[in-house]
């Protein structure tokens, strides 16, 4: 599904950082450091990014 555009708690825009975060984590960078480098420091914003599950590929297999 789509990455949440804003944090559910504080309303900060987090979607613009999601792809960069994934690239850094795939390169074995520490997730905590990657988020802080991207400017995401609040716990609620980190939760929004960590808890997102990308299900687009799963959903596209099914037809209505």
PDB file of N, CA and C in Angstrom:
ATOM      1  N   UNK A   1       0.836  -1.171   0.000  1.00  0.00           N
ATOM      2  CA  UNK A   1       0.000   0.000   0.000  1.00  0.00           C
ATOM      3  C   UNK A   1       0.889   1.244   0.000  1.00  0.00           C
ATOM      4  N   UNK A   2       0.266   2.363  -0.101  1.00  0.00           N
ATOM      5  CA  UNK A   2       1.011   3.616  -0.111  1.00  0.00           C
ATOM      6  C   UNK A   2       1.634   3.877   1.249  1.00  0.00           C
ATOM      7  N   UNK A   3       2.774   4.488   1.219  1.00  0.00           N
ATOM      8  CA  UNK A   3       3.427   4.909   2.451  1.00  0.00           C
ATOM      9  C   UNK A   3       2.592   6.039   3.042  1.00  0.00           C
ATOM     10  N   UNK A   4       2.349   6.026   4.352  1.00  0.00           N
ATOM     11  CA  UNK A   4       1.600   7.142   4.936  1.00  0.00           C
ATOM     12  C   UNK A   4       2.316   8.463   4.654  1.00  0.00           C
ATOM     13  N   UNK A   5       1.584   9.430   4.154  1.00  0.00           N
ATOM     14  CA  UNK A   5       2.183  10.708   3.797  1.00  0.00           C
ATOM     15  C   UNK A   5       2.635  11.450   5.045  1.00  0.00           C
ATOM     16  N   UNK A   6       1.821  11.429   6.056  1.00  0.00           N
ATOM     17  CA  UNK A   6       2.136  12.128   7.303  1.00  0.00           C
ATOM     18  C   UNK A   6       2.123  11.163   8.481  1.00  0.00           C
ATOM     19  N   UNK A   7       2.855  11.543   9.513  1.00  0.00           N
ATOM     20  CA  UNK A   7       2.847  10.782  10.761  1.00  0.00           C
ATOM     21  C   UNK A   7       1.436  10.844  11.335  1.00  0.00           C
ATOM     22  N   UNK A   8       0.918   9.726  11.823  1.00  0.00           N
ATOM     23  CA  UNK A   8      -0.439   9.678  12.341  1.00  0.00           C
ATOM     24  C   UNK A   8      -0.599  10.494  13.613  1.00  0.00           C
ATOM     25  N   UNK A   9       0.472  10.692  14.376  1.00  0.00           N
ATOM     26  CA  UNK A   9       0.384  11.374  15.653  1.00  0.00           C
ATOM     27  C   UNK A   9       0.656  12.869  15.550  1.00  0.00           C
ATOM     28  N   UNK A  10       1.804  13.236  14.973  1.00  0.00           N
ATOM     29  CA  UNK A  10       2.197  14.650  14.983  1.00  0.00           C
ATOM     30  C   UNK A  10       1.933  15.367  13.665  1.00  0.00           C
ATOM     31  N   UNK A  11       1.744  14.639  12.583  1.00  0.00           N
ATOM     32  CA  UNK A  11       1.429  15.260  11.303  1.00  0.00           C
ATOM     33  C   UNK A  11       2.621  15.644  10.448  1.00  0.00           C
ATOM     34  N   UNK A  12       3.833  15.287  10.868  1.00  0.00           N
ATOM     35  CA  UNK A  12       5.019  15.598  10.078  1.00  0.00           C
ATOM     36  C   UNK A  12       5.043  14.745   8.807  1.00  0.00           C
ATOM     37  N   UNK A  13       5.490  15.325   7.705  1.00  0.00           N
ATOM     38  CA  UNK A  13       5.574  14.599   6.440  1.00  0.00           C
ATOM     39  C   UNK A  13       6.713  13.584   6.534  1.00  0.00           C
ATOM     40  N   UNK A  14       6.393  12.293   6.315  1.00  0.00           N
ATOM     41  CA  UNK A  14       7.401  11.235   6.408  1.00  0.00           C
ATOM     42  C   UNK A  14       7.542  10.432   5.122  1.00  0.00           C
ATOM     43  N   UNK A  15       6.581  10.530   4.216  1.00  0.00           N
ATOM     44  CA  UNK A  15       6.595   9.707   3.004  1.00  0.00           C
ATOM     45  C   UNK A  15       7.779  10.008   2.101  1.00  0.00           C
ATOM     46  N   UNK A  16       8.240  11.241   2.105  1.00  0.00           N
ATOM     47  CA  UNK A  16       9.334  11.613   1.215  1.00  0.00           C
ATOM     48  C   UNK A  16      10.660  10.973   1.613  1.00  0.00           C
ATOM     49  N   UNK A  17      10.749  10.449   2.815  1.00  0.00           N
ATOM     50  CA  UNK A  17      11.986   9.850   3.309  1.00  0.00           C
ATOM     51  C   UNK A  17      11.989   8.330   3.227  1.00  0.00           C
ATOM     52  N   UNK A  18      10.863   7.721   2.899  1.00  0.00           N
ATOM     53  CA  UNK A  18      10.729   6.269   2.981  1.00  0.00           C
ATOM     54  C   UNK A  18      11.666   5.522   2.035  1.00  0.00           C
ATOM     55  N   UNK A  19      11.722   5.914   0.770  1.00  0.00           N
ATOM     56  CA  UNK A  19      12.562   5.199  -0.199  1.00  0.00           C
ATOM     57  C   UNK A  19      14.047   5.322   0.143  1.00  0.00           C
ATOM     58  N   UNK A  20      14.469   6.498   0.548  1.00  0.00           N
ATOM     59  CA  UNK A  20      15.874   6.695   0.941  1.00  0.00           C
ATOM     60  C   UNK A  20      16.196   5.838   2.166  1.00  0.00           C
ATOM     61  N   UNK A  21      15.254   5.757   3.094  1.00  0.00           N
ATOM     62  CA  UNK A  21      15.442   4.922   4.280  1.00  0.00           C
ATOM     63  C   UNK A  21      15.631   3.460   3.887  1.00  0.00           C
ATOM     64  N   UNK A  22      14.796   2.964   2.973  1.00  0.00           N
ATOM     65  CA  UNK A  22      14.919   1.571   2.530  1.00  0.00           C
ATOM     66  C   UNK A  22      16.259   1.308   1.859  1.00  0.00           C
ATOM     67  N   UNK A  23      16.721   2.235   1.028  1.00  0.00           N
ATOM     68  CA  UNK A  23      18.011   2.073   0.354  1.00  0.00           C
ATOM     69  C   UNK A  23      19.144   1.982   1.365  1.00  0.00           C
ATOM     70  N   UNK A  24      19.106   2.829   2.374  1.00  0.00           N
ATOM     71  CA  UNK A  24      20.169   2.831   3.376  1.00  0.00           C
ATOM     72  C   UNK A  24      20.163   1.546   4.204  1.00  0.00           C
ATOM     73  N   UNK A  25      18.991   1.069   4.550  1.00  0.00           N
ATOM     74  CA  UNK A  25      18.896  -0.154   5.353  1.00  0.00           C
ATOM     75  C   UNK A  25      19.362  -1.360   4.541  1.00  0.00           C
ATOM     76  N   UNK A  26      19.051  -1.383   3.248  1.00  0.00           N
ATOM     77  CA  UNK A  26      19.520  -2.475   2.392  1.00  0.00           C
ATOM     78  C   UNK A  26      21.034  -2.486   2.272  1.00  0.00           C
ATOM     79  N   UNK A  27      21.671  -1.327   2.420  1.00  0.00           N
ATOM     80  CA  UNK A  27      23.132  -1.231   2.376  1.00  0.00           C
ATOM     81  C   UNK A  27      23.758  -1.504   3.741  1.00  0.00           C
ATOM     82  N   UNK A  28      22.952  -2.061   4.651  1.00  0.00           N
ATOM     83  CA  UNK A  28      23.403  -2.472   5.995  1.00  0.00           C
ATOM     84  C   UNK A  28      23.732  -1.295   6.905  1.00  0.00           C
ATOM     85  N   UNK A  29      23.132  -0.139   6.662  1.00  0.00           N
ATOM     86  CA  UNK A  29      23.324   1.003   7.558  1.00  0.00           C
ATOM     87  C   UNK A  29      22.384   0.838   8.751  1.00  0.00           C
ATOM     88  N   UNK A  30      22.783   1.352   9.885  1.00  0.00           N
ATOM     89  CA  UNK A  30      21.972   1.286  11.093  1.00  0.00           C
ATOM     90  C   UNK A  30      20.669   2.066  10.873  1.00  0.00           C
ATOM     91  N   UNK A  31      19.503   1.432  11.062  1.00  0.00           N
ATOM     92  CA  UNK A  31      18.234   2.123  10.827  1.00  0.00           C
ATOM     93  C   UNK A  31      18.063   3.374  11.673  1.00  0.00           C
ATOM     94  N   UNK A  32      18.529   3.330  12.914  1.00  0.00           N
ATOM     95  CA  UNK A  32      18.405   4.499  13.789  1.00  0.00           C
ATOM     96  C   UNK A  32      19.183   5.682  13.227  1.00  0.00           C
ATOM     97  N   UNK A  33      20.402   5.434  12.786  1.00  0.00           N
ATOM     98  CA  UNK A  33      21.226   6.493  12.228  1.00  0.00           C
ATOM     99  C   UNK A  33      20.645   7.002  10.908  1.00  0.00           C
ATOM    100  N   UNK A  34      20.125   6.099  10.094  1.00  0.00           N
ATOM    101  CA  UNK A  34      19.538   6.500   8.816  1.00  0.00           C
ATOM    102  C   UNK A  34      18.354   7.430   9.033  1.00  0.00           C
ATOM    103  N   UNK A  35      17.478   7.094   9.975  1.00  0.00           N
ATOM    104  CA  UNK A  35      16.324   7.948  10.246  1.00  0.00           C
ATOM    105  C   UNK A  35      16.743   9.306  10.778  1.00  0.00           C
ATOM    106  N   UNK A  36      17.717   9.328  11.671  1.00  0.00           N
ATOM    107  CA  UNK A  36      18.163  10.601  12.221  1.00  0.00           C
ATOM    108  C   UNK A  36      18.840  11.458  11.156  1.00  0.00           C
ATOM    109  N   UNK A  37      19.586  10.850  10.243  1.00  0.00           N
ATOM    110  CA  UNK A  37      20.200  11.606   9.143  1.00  0.00           C
ATOM    111  C   UNK A  37      19.146  12.204   8.217  1.00  0.00           C
ATOM    112  N   UNK A  38      18.023  11.511   8.075  1.00  0.00           N
ATOM    113  CA  UNK A  38      16.942  12.002   7.221  1.00  0.00           C
ATOM    114  C   UNK A  38      16.061  13.034   7.922  1.00  0.00           C
ATOM    115  N   UNK A  39      16.322  13.272   9.193  1.00  0.00           N
ATOM    116  CA  UNK A  39      15.560  14.287   9.925  1.00  0.00           C
ATOM    117  C   UNK A  39      14.348  13.760  10.655  1.00  0.00           C
ATOM    118  N   UNK A  40      14.257  12.451  10.803  1.00  0.00           N
ATOM    119  CA  UNK A  40      13.129  11.855  11.518  1.00  0.00           C
ATOM    120  C   UNK A  40      13.630  11.472  12.901  1.00  0.00           C
ATOM    121  N   UNK A  41      13.265  12.284  13.896  1.00  0.00           N
ATOM    122  CA  UNK A  41      13.796  12.074  15.236  1.00  0.00           C
ATOM    123  C   UNK A  41      12.737  11.716  16.272  1.00  0.00           C
ATOM    124  N   UNK A  42      11.483  12.007  15.984  1.00  0.00           N
ATOM    125  CA  UNK A  42      10.424  11.706  16.950  1.00  0.00           C
ATOM    126  C   UNK A  42      10.065  10.227  16.899  1.00  0.00           C
ATOM    127  N   UNK A  43       9.706   9.690  18.061  1.00  0.00           N
ATOM    128  CA  UNK A  43       9.336   8.283  18.145  1.00  0.00           C
ATOM    129  C   UNK A  43       8.102   7.968  17.314  1.00  0.00           C
ATOM    130  N   UNK A  44       7.159   8.907  17.292  1.00  0.00           N
ATOM    131  CA  UNK A  44       5.921   8.641  16.552  1.00  0.00           C
ATOM    132  C   UNK A  44       6.195   8.552  15.048  1.00  0.00           C
ATOM    133  N   UNK A  45       7.098   9.383  14.548  1.00  0.00           N
ATOM    134  CA  UNK A  45       7.429   9.346  13.116  1.00  0.00           C
ATOM    135  C   UNK A  45       8.202   8.070  12.774  1.00  0.00           C
ATOM    136  N   UNK A  46       9.110   7.677  13.655  1.00  0.00           N
ATOM    137  CA  UNK A  46       9.862   6.438  13.440  1.00  0.00           C
ATOM    138  C   UNK A  46       8.904   5.248  13.415  1.00  0.00           C
ATOM    139  N   UNK A  47       7.924   5.261  14.296  1.00  0.00           N
ATOM    140  CA  UNK A  47       6.934   4.181  14.342  1.00  0.00           C
ATOM    141  C   UNK A  47       6.160   4.101  13.037  1.00  0.00           C
ATOM    142  N   UNK A  48       5.807   5.257  12.478  1.00  0.00           N
ATOM    143  CA  UNK A  48       5.044   5.283  11.235  1.00  0.00           C
ATOM    144  C   UNK A  48       5.830   4.641  10.101  1.00  0.00           C
ATOM    145  N   UNK A  49       7.122   4.902  10.030  1.00  0.00           N
ATOM    146  CA  UNK A  49       7.944   4.323   8.964  1.00  0.00           C
ATOM    147  C   UNK A  49       8.236   2.845   9.230  1.00  0.00           C
ATOM    148  N   UNK A  50       8.578   2.504  10.461  1.00  0.00           N
ATOM    149  CA  UNK A  50       8.902   1.114  10.783  1.00  0.00           C
ATOM    150  C   UNK A  50       7.704   0.191  10.629  1.00  0.00           C
ATOM    151  N   UNK A  51       6.521   0.667  10.973  1.00  0.00           N
ATOM    152  CA  UNK A  51       5.354  -0.208  10.964  1.00  0.00           C
ATOM    153  C   UNK A  51       4.719  -0.348   9.585  1.00  0.00           C
ATOM    154  N   UNK A  52       5.170   0.420   8.612  1.00  0.00           N
ATOM    155  CA  UNK A  52       4.600   0.321   7.268  1.00  0.00           C
ATOM    156  C   UNK A  52       5.036  -0.987   6.601  1.00  0.00           C
ATOM    157  N   UNK A  53       4.063  -1.689   6.020  1.00  0.00           N
ATOM    158  CA  UNK A  53       4.322  -2.920   5.292  1.00  0.00           C
ATOM    159  C   UNK A  53       3.899  -2.688   3.850  1.00  0.00           C
ATOM    160  N   UNK A  54       4.827  -2.850   2.929  1.00  0.00           N
ATOM    161  CA  UNK A  54       4.550  -2.593   1.526  1.00  0.00           C
ATOM    162  C   UNK A  54       3.875  -3.816   0.914  1.00  0.00           C
ATOM    163  N   UNK A  55       2.578  -3.716   0.658  1.00  0.00           N
ATOM    164  CA  UNK A  55       1.790  -4.846   0.171  1.00  0.00           C
ATOM    165  C   UNK A  55       1.354  -4.703  -1.284  1.00  0.00           C
ATOM    166  N   UNK A  56       1.854  -3.729  -1.996  1.00  0.00           N
ATOM    167  CA  UNK A  56       1.416  -3.492  -3.364  1.00  0.00           C
ATOM    168  C   UNK A  56       1.649  -4.722  -4.235  1.00  0.00           C
ATOM    169  N   UNK A  57       2.798  -5.341  -4.158  1.00  0.00           N
ATOM    170  CA  UNK A  57       3.087  -6.520  -4.979  1.00  0.00           C
ATOM    171  C   UNK A  57       2.140  -7.677  -4.653  1.00  0.00           C
ATOM    172  N   UNK A  58       1.777  -7.815  -3.402  1.00  0.00           N
ATOM    173  CA  UNK A  58       0.847  -8.873  -3.004  1.00  0.00           C
ATOM    174  C   UNK A  58      -0.554  -8.622  -3.569  1.00  0.00           C
ATOM    175  N   UNK A  59      -1.000  -7.385  -3.518  1.00  0.00           N
ATOM    176  CA  UNK A  59      -2.349  -7.043  -3.960  1.00  0.00           C
ATOM    177  C   UNK A  59      -2.474  -7.113  -5.479  1.00  0.00           C
ATOM    178  N   UNK A  60      -1.416  -6.765  -6.199  1.00  0.00           N
ATOM    179  CA  UNK A  60      -1.474  -6.745  -7.656  1.00  0.00           C
ATOM    180  C   UNK A  60      -1.633  -8.140  -8.268  1.00  0.00           C
ATOM    181  N   UNK A  61      -1.362  -9.168  -7.517  1.00  0.00           N
ATOM    182  CA  UNK A  61      -1.534 -10.529  -8.046  1.00  0.00           C
ATOM    183  C   UNK A  61      -2.991 -10.899  -8.230  1.00  0.00           C
ATOM    184  N   UNK A  62      -3.874 -10.246  -7.527  1.00  0.00           N
ATOM    185  CA  UNK A  62      -5.293 -10.582  -7.564  1.00  0.00           C
ATOM    186  C   UNK A  62      -6.043  -9.641  -8.504  1.00  0.00           C
ATOM    187  N   UNK A  63      -7.022 -10.198  -9.180  1.00  0.00           N
ATOM    188  CA  UNK A  63      -7.857  -9.392 -10.080  1.00  0.00           C
ATOM    189  C   UNK A  63      -9.291  -9.448  -9.580  1.00  0.00           C
ATOM    190  N   UNK A  64      -9.989  -8.361  -9.797  1.00  0.00           N
ATOM    191  CA  UNK A  64     -11.386  -8.270  -9.342  1.00  0.00           C
ATOM    192  C   UNK A  64     -12.307  -8.719 -10.430  1.00  0.00           C
TER     193      UNK A  64
END
